[in-house]
């Protein structure tokens, strides 16, 4: 009997099945150089299902109605989620120095809606909460909430739990840590948790950028969609940003990652900076 707990090599044909599904249904590019990484991650899922080969595993995953739960597990394992607190801080500086004062002057700002699109484990959403809460301590009061979406149910669970290892919060300023992080009562755990007042500001929701329609019933003042487009090809990037743009209020703002561009795309957005855009009338 074969020991299914040991690592099993993935055939090229198996990788192609995964690659085609992920690229067509999730939109994420999977070049062949990622085969070893995918093999390593999915060996754990193959073992959990209790089959001996990747071919059997994929037959189970793609069986109509049978492998639905495991399909979600496979997507969680395959998709890469990299994020940090206060990543690309110039965006948060622009938010507090340009966006919020402008809204307050023009619209008598009372409420602001923000979207962390491709939120991963929640660091971006909670950073935004910290920035907004700090801003509110110095200015007139307004209310806000944040929608945080991702395709991975696993990272969404982690975001909702809002517990992070100490090394994950190392680059948060000390005073900010004191205000917004709670150390674990269990002295054996080197973890912190976001305070309840900020956790209640964030709603986590599963969303696939490849869906034809985004199940969101309102429009946003600010959208962060950073370091997400890099996983898509250019035609998919344009389709995704066009759908996101439909969820941005006219005059609202879109922030992309530092290595991303939408230049030469036919979109209702005007560029304010290298990775900062404003929604205009279509």
Protein backbone atom coordinates (compact mmCIF):
# COMPACT_ATOMS: atom_id res chain seq x y z
CA UNK A 1 0.00 0.00 0.00
CA UNK A 2 1.29 3.47 -0.95
CA UNK A 3 1.81 5.93 1.88
CA UNK A 4 -0.29 8.91 0.80
CA UNK A 5 1.32 11.13 3.42
CA UNK A 6 4.54 11.37 1.41
CA UNK A 7 5.05 13.95 -1.31
CA UNK A 8 3.78 12.91 -4.74
CA UNK A 9 5.05 14.34 -8.01
CA UNK A 10 2.55 16.21 -10.17
CA UNK A 11 2.32 15.24 -13.84
CA UNK A 12 2.44 17.99 -16.44
CA UNK A 13 -1.07 16.98 -17.52
CA UNK A 14 -2.33 17.52 -13.95
CA UNK A 15 -0.68 20.94 -13.77
CA UNK A 16 -2.32 21.91 -17.07
CA UNK A 17 -5.75 21.00 -15.67
CA UNK A 18 -5.15 23.23 -12.64
CA UNK A 19 -3.61 26.00 -14.75
CA UNK A 20 -6.55 26.10 -17.17
CA UNK A 21 -9.11 26.18 -14.39
CA UNK A 22 -7.38 28.87 -12.32
CA UNK A 23 -6.70 31.09 -15.33
CA UNK A 24 -10.22 30.73 -16.78
CA UNK A 25 -12.27 30.85 -13.59
CA UNK A 26 -10.10 32.89 -11.22
CA UNK A 27 -8.11 34.93 -13.74
CA UNK A 28 -4.73 34.30 -12.12
CA UNK A 29 -1.81 33.40 -14.36
CA UNK A 30 -0.02 30.17 -13.48
CA UNK A 31 3.23 29.89 -15.46
CA UNK A 32 4.98 26.56 -15.52
CA UNK A 33 7.71 27.83 -13.18
CA UNK A 34 5.11 27.70 -10.39
CA UNK A 35 4.50 23.97 -10.85
CA UNK A 36 6.77 22.97 -7.94
CA UNK A 37 5.09 25.47 -5.62
CA UNK A 38 1.61 24.27 -6.62
CA UNK A 39 2.70 20.65 -6.21
CA UNK A 40 3.93 21.35 -2.68
CA UNK A 41 0.78 23.19 -1.62
CA UNK A 42 -1.64 20.69 -3.12
CA UNK A 43 0.14 17.64 -1.74
CA UNK A 44 -1.36 18.61 1.62
CA UNK A 45 -4.85 18.78 0.08
CA UNK A 46 -4.35 15.50 -1.81
CA UNK A 47 -3.34 13.88 1.46
CA UNK A 48 -6.37 15.36 3.26
CA UNK A 49 -8.73 13.94 0.64
CA UNK A 50 -7.02 10.56 0.95
CA UNK A 51 -6.05 9.79 -2.64
CA UNK A 52 -2.71 8.64 -4.01
CA UNK A 53 -2.27 10.73 -7.16
CA UNK A 54 -2.97 14.25 -8.34
CA UNK A 55 -5.09 12.84 -11.16
CA UNK A 56 -7.39 11.24 -8.59
CA UNK A 57 -7.40 14.43 -6.56
CA UNK A 58 -8.43 16.56 -9.53
CA UNK A 59 -11.07 14.05 -10.57
CA UNK A 60 -12.53 14.48 -7.09
CA UNK A 61 -12.26 18.29 -7.17
CA UNK A 62 -13.95 18.64 -10.55
CA UNK A 63 -16.62 15.97 -10.04
CA UNK A 64 -20.03 17.70 -10.48
CA UNK A 65 -21.46 18.50 -7.06
CA UNK A 66 -19.02 16.23 -5.25
CA UNK A 67 -15.88 18.30 -4.91
CA UNK A 68 -17.37 21.76 -4.32
CA UNK A 69 -15.90 22.16 -0.84
CA UNK A 70 -12.51 20.83 -1.91
CA UNK A 71 -12.55 23.12 -4.95
CA UNK A 72 -12.62 26.07 -2.55
CA UNK A 73 -9.76 24.49 -0.59
CA UNK A 74 -7.77 24.08 -3.81
CA UNK A 75 -8.29 27.73 -4.79
CA UNK A 76 -7.23 28.79 -1.28
CA UNK A 77 -4.06 26.71 -1.58
CA UNK A 78 -3.15 27.87 -5.08
CA UNK A 79 -3.76 31.60 -4.77
CA UNK A 80 -0.91 33.66 -3.35
CA UNK A 81 -1.77 36.19 -0.63
CA UNK A 82 1.00 38.65 0.22
CA UNK A 83 0.28 41.79 2.18
CA UNK A 84 1.60 43.95 4.99
CA UNK A 85 0.42 46.61 7.40
CA UNK A 86 1.06 50.15 6.08
CA UNK A 87 2.20 48.84 2.72
CA UNK A 88 2.85 51.67 0.24
CA UNK A 89 2.33 54.39 2.89
CA UNK A 90 2.19 57.22 0.34
CA UNK A 91 -1.37 56.13 -0.47
CA UNK A 92 -2.49 56.65 3.12
CA UNK A 93 -0.74 60.02 3.15
CA UNK A 94 -2.68 61.01 0.02
CA UNK A 95 -5.89 59.77 1.62
CA UNK A 96 -5.53 61.99 4.69
CA UNK A 97 -3.92 65.02 3.01
CA UNK A 98 -5.91 65.15 -0.23
CA UNK A 99 -8.96 62.90 -0.37
CA UNK A 100 -10.59 63.44 3.02
CA UNK A 101 -10.05 67.23 3.19
CA UNK A 102 -11.41 67.56 -0.35
CA UNK A 103 -14.51 65.55 0.50
CA UNK A 104 -15.08 67.55 3.67
CA UNK A 105 -14.83 70.86 1.79
CA UNK A 106 -17.05 69.89 -1.14
CA UNK A 107 -19.57 67.47 0.27
CA UNK A 108 -19.92 68.20 3.98
CA UNK A 109 -18.60 64.70 4.53
CA UNK A 110 -20.67 62.60 6.94
CA UNK A 111 -20.03 59.06 5.76
CA UNK A 112 -17.36 57.40 3.65
CA UNK A 113 -17.35 53.91 2.14
CA UNK A 114 -14.09 52.18 1.27
CA UNK A 115 -13.32 48.89 -0.46
CA UNK A 116 -10.22 46.77 0.08
CA UNK A 117 -10.39 44.66 -3.08
CA UNK A 118 -8.16 41.61 -2.83
CA UNK A 119 -7.83 42.12 0.91
CA UNK A 120 -5.91 38.93 1.74
CA UNK A 121 -5.72 38.51 5.54
CA UNK A 122 -6.97 42.00 6.32
CA UNK A 123 -3.80 44.04 6.91
CA UNK A 124 -4.76 46.67 4.32
CA UNK A 125 -8.30 47.09 5.65
CA UNK A 126 -7.18 47.41 9.25
CA UNK A 127 -4.37 49.81 8.30
CA UNK A 128 -7.02 51.98 6.66
CA UNK A 129 -9.08 51.84 9.85
CA UNK A 130 -6.09 52.99 11.91
CA UNK A 131 -5.41 55.85 9.50
CA UNK A 132 -9.04 56.99 9.47
CA UNK A 133 -9.39 56.70 13.22
CA UNK A 134 -6.26 58.82 13.71
CA UNK A 135 -7.64 61.37 11.26
CA UNK A 136 -10.95 61.55 13.10
CA UNK A 137 -9.17 62.39 16.35
CA UNK A 138 -7.86 65.58 14.74
CA UNK A 139 -10.78 66.71 12.59
CA UNK A 140 -14.54 66.94 12.47
CA UNK A 141 -16.38 63.68 12.89
CA UNK A 142 -17.64 61.42 10.12
CA UNK A 143 -18.54 57.73 9.91
CA UNK A 144 -16.91 55.09 7.74
CA UNK A 145 -16.93 51.41 6.96
CA UNK A 146 -14.78 49.15 4.85
CA UNK A 147 -15.71 46.20 2.65
CA UNK A 148 -12.84 43.71 2.38
CA UNK A 149 -13.10 41.08 -0.34
CA UNK A 150 -11.01 38.17 -1.52
CA UNK A 151 -11.59 34.93 -3.41
CA UNK A 152 -9.92 32.85 -0.68
CA UNK A 153 -12.20 31.81 2.17
CA UNK A 154 -9.17 30.89 4.26
CA UNK A 155 -7.66 34.38 4.23
CA UNK A 156 -11.10 35.89 4.85
CA UNK A 157 -11.41 33.78 8.01
CA UNK A 158 -8.02 35.04 9.16
CA UNK A 159 -9.03 38.62 8.42
CA UNK A 160 -12.23 38.31 10.41
CA UNK A 161 -10.32 36.79 13.31
CA UNK A 162 -7.84 39.71 13.13
CA UNK A 163 -5.07 37.88 15.03
CA UNK A 164 -1.50 38.42 13.84
CA UNK A 165 1.94 37.24 14.89
CA UNK A 166 4.16 39.94 16.36
CA UNK A 167 6.48 39.87 13.36
CA UNK A 168 3.53 40.77 11.11
CA UNK A 169 2.98 44.03 13.00
CA UNK A 170 6.63 44.97 13.37
CA UNK A 171 6.43 47.95 11.00
CA UNK A 172 3.42 49.54 12.71
CA UNK A 173 4.48 52.66 14.68
CA UNK A 174 4.69 52.05 18.42
CA UNK A 175 2.00 54.56 19.39
CA UNK A 176 -0.32 53.07 16.77
CA UNK A 177 0.28 49.60 18.20
CA UNK A 178 -0.63 50.83 21.67
CA UNK A 179 -3.92 52.28 20.45
CA UNK A 180 -5.13 49.55 18.15
CA UNK A 181 -3.56 46.21 19.10
CA UNK A 182 -4.29 43.90 22.03
CA UNK A 183 -1.69 41.39 23.21
CA UNK A 184 -2.85 37.84 23.70
CA UNK A 185 -3.71 36.95 27.30
CA UNK A 186 -2.05 33.62 26.66
CA UNK A 187 1.61 34.33 27.45
CA UNK A 188 2.68 31.35 25.33
CA UNK A 189 1.33 33.02 22.19
CA UNK A 190 3.30 35.78 20.50
CA UNK A 191 0.23 37.33 18.91
CA UNK A 192 -1.88 40.48 18.91
CA UNK A 193 -5.46 41.21 17.88
CA UNK A 194 -7.03 44.29 16.34
CA UNK A 195 -9.25 46.10 18.87
CA UNK A 196 -13.02 45.47 18.59
CA UNK A 197 -13.76 49.09 17.68
CA UNK A 198 -11.84 48.66 14.43
CA UNK A 199 -12.92 45.08 13.73
CA UNK A 200 -16.56 46.14 13.64
CA UNK A 201 -15.75 48.68 10.92
CA UNK A 202 -14.74 45.97 8.43
CA UNK A 203 -17.05 43.54 6.62
CA UNK A 204 -15.40 40.57 4.90
CA UNK A 205 -16.97 39.04 1.81
CA UNK A 206 -15.91 36.49 -0.78
CA UNK A 207 -15.63 37.87 -4.30
CA UNK A 208 -14.14 36.52 -7.52
CA UNK A 209 -12.84 39.27 -9.82
CA UNK A 210 -13.73 37.04 -12.77
CA UNK A 211 -17.45 37.11 -11.96
CA UNK A 212 -19.56 38.96 -14.54
CA UNK A 213 -21.30 40.91 -11.79
CA UNK A 214 -19.98 41.97 -8.39
CA UNK A 215 -22.63 41.41 -5.73
CA UNK A 216 -22.19 44.78 -4.04
CA UNK A 217 -25.26 46.99 -3.74
CA UNK A 218 -23.56 50.37 -3.20
CA UNK A 219 -20.75 52.53 -4.56
CA UNK A 220 -17.50 53.53 -2.88
CA UNK A 221 -15.67 56.76 -2.23
CA UNK A 222 -12.28 55.00 -2.15
CA UNK A 223 -11.12 51.66 -3.53
CA UNK A 224 -7.78 50.01 -2.81
CA UNK A 225 -6.99 47.36 -5.43
CA UNK A 226 -3.28 47.04 -4.92
CA UNK A 227 -0.94 44.33 -6.16
CA UNK A 228 -3.84 42.35 -7.58
CA UNK A 229 -3.60 43.15 -11.31
CA UNK A 230 -0.08 41.72 -11.49
CA UNK A 231 -1.60 38.23 -11.46
CA UNK A 232 -3.82 38.90 -14.52
CA UNK A 233 -3.06 39.34 -18.21
CA UNK A 234 -3.74 42.77 -19.71
CA UNK A 235 -7.21 42.06 -21.21
CA UNK A 236 -8.33 40.61 -17.86
CA UNK A 237 -6.86 43.59 -16.02
CA UNK A 238 -8.95 45.99 -18.09
CA UNK A 239 -12.13 43.97 -17.58
CA UNK A 240 -11.58 43.80 -13.83
CA UNK A 241 -10.87 47.51 -13.43
CA UNK A 242 -13.89 48.39 -15.58
CA UNK A 243 -16.13 46.34 -13.27
CA UNK A 244 -14.51 47.89 -10.20
CA UNK A 245 -14.99 51.36 -11.70
CA UNK A 246 -18.73 50.77 -11.85
CA UNK A 247 -18.65 50.49 -8.06
CA UNK A 248 -16.83 53.81 -7.56
CA UNK A 249 -18.76 57.04 -7.15
CA UNK A 250 -18.06 59.78 -9.68
CA UNK A 251 -15.19 61.73 -8.14
CA UNK A 252 -14.14 58.73 -6.06
CA UNK A 253 -10.62 57.35 -5.94
CA UNK A 254 -8.83 54.16 -6.98
CA UNK A 255 -5.41 53.15 -5.65
CA UNK A 256 -3.33 50.52 -7.47
CA UNK A 257 -0.08 48.83 -6.49
CA UNK A 258 3.25 50.54 -7.17
CA UNK A 259 4.13 48.17 -10.02
CA UNK A 260 0.72 48.28 -11.71
CA UNK A 261 -0.53 50.49 -14.53
CA UNK A 262 -3.75 50.96 -16.48
CA UNK A 263 -2.27 53.36 -19.04
CA UNK A 264 -3.80 52.95 -22.53
CA UNK A 265 -6.89 51.24 -21.12
CA UNK A 266 -10.32 52.60 -22.03
CA UNK A 267 -11.58 53.38 -18.53
CA UNK A 268 -13.54 56.23 -16.86
CA UNK A 269 -10.54 57.16 -14.73
CA UNK A 270 -8.13 60.06 -14.77
CA UNK A 271 -4.64 59.71 -13.34
CA UNK A 272 -3.67 61.91 -10.40
CA UNK A 273 -0.39 60.19 -9.64
CA UNK A 274 1.60 57.10 -10.70
CA UNK A 275 -0.87 54.73 -9.01
CA UNK A 276 -3.73 57.07 -8.01
CA UNK A 277 -6.84 57.58 -10.15
CA UNK A 278 -10.14 59.44 -9.90
CA UNK A 279 -13.46 58.33 -11.35
CA UNK A 280 -14.87 60.66 -14.01
CA UNK A 281 -18.20 60.68 -15.82
CA UNK A 282 -18.19 57.92 -18.40
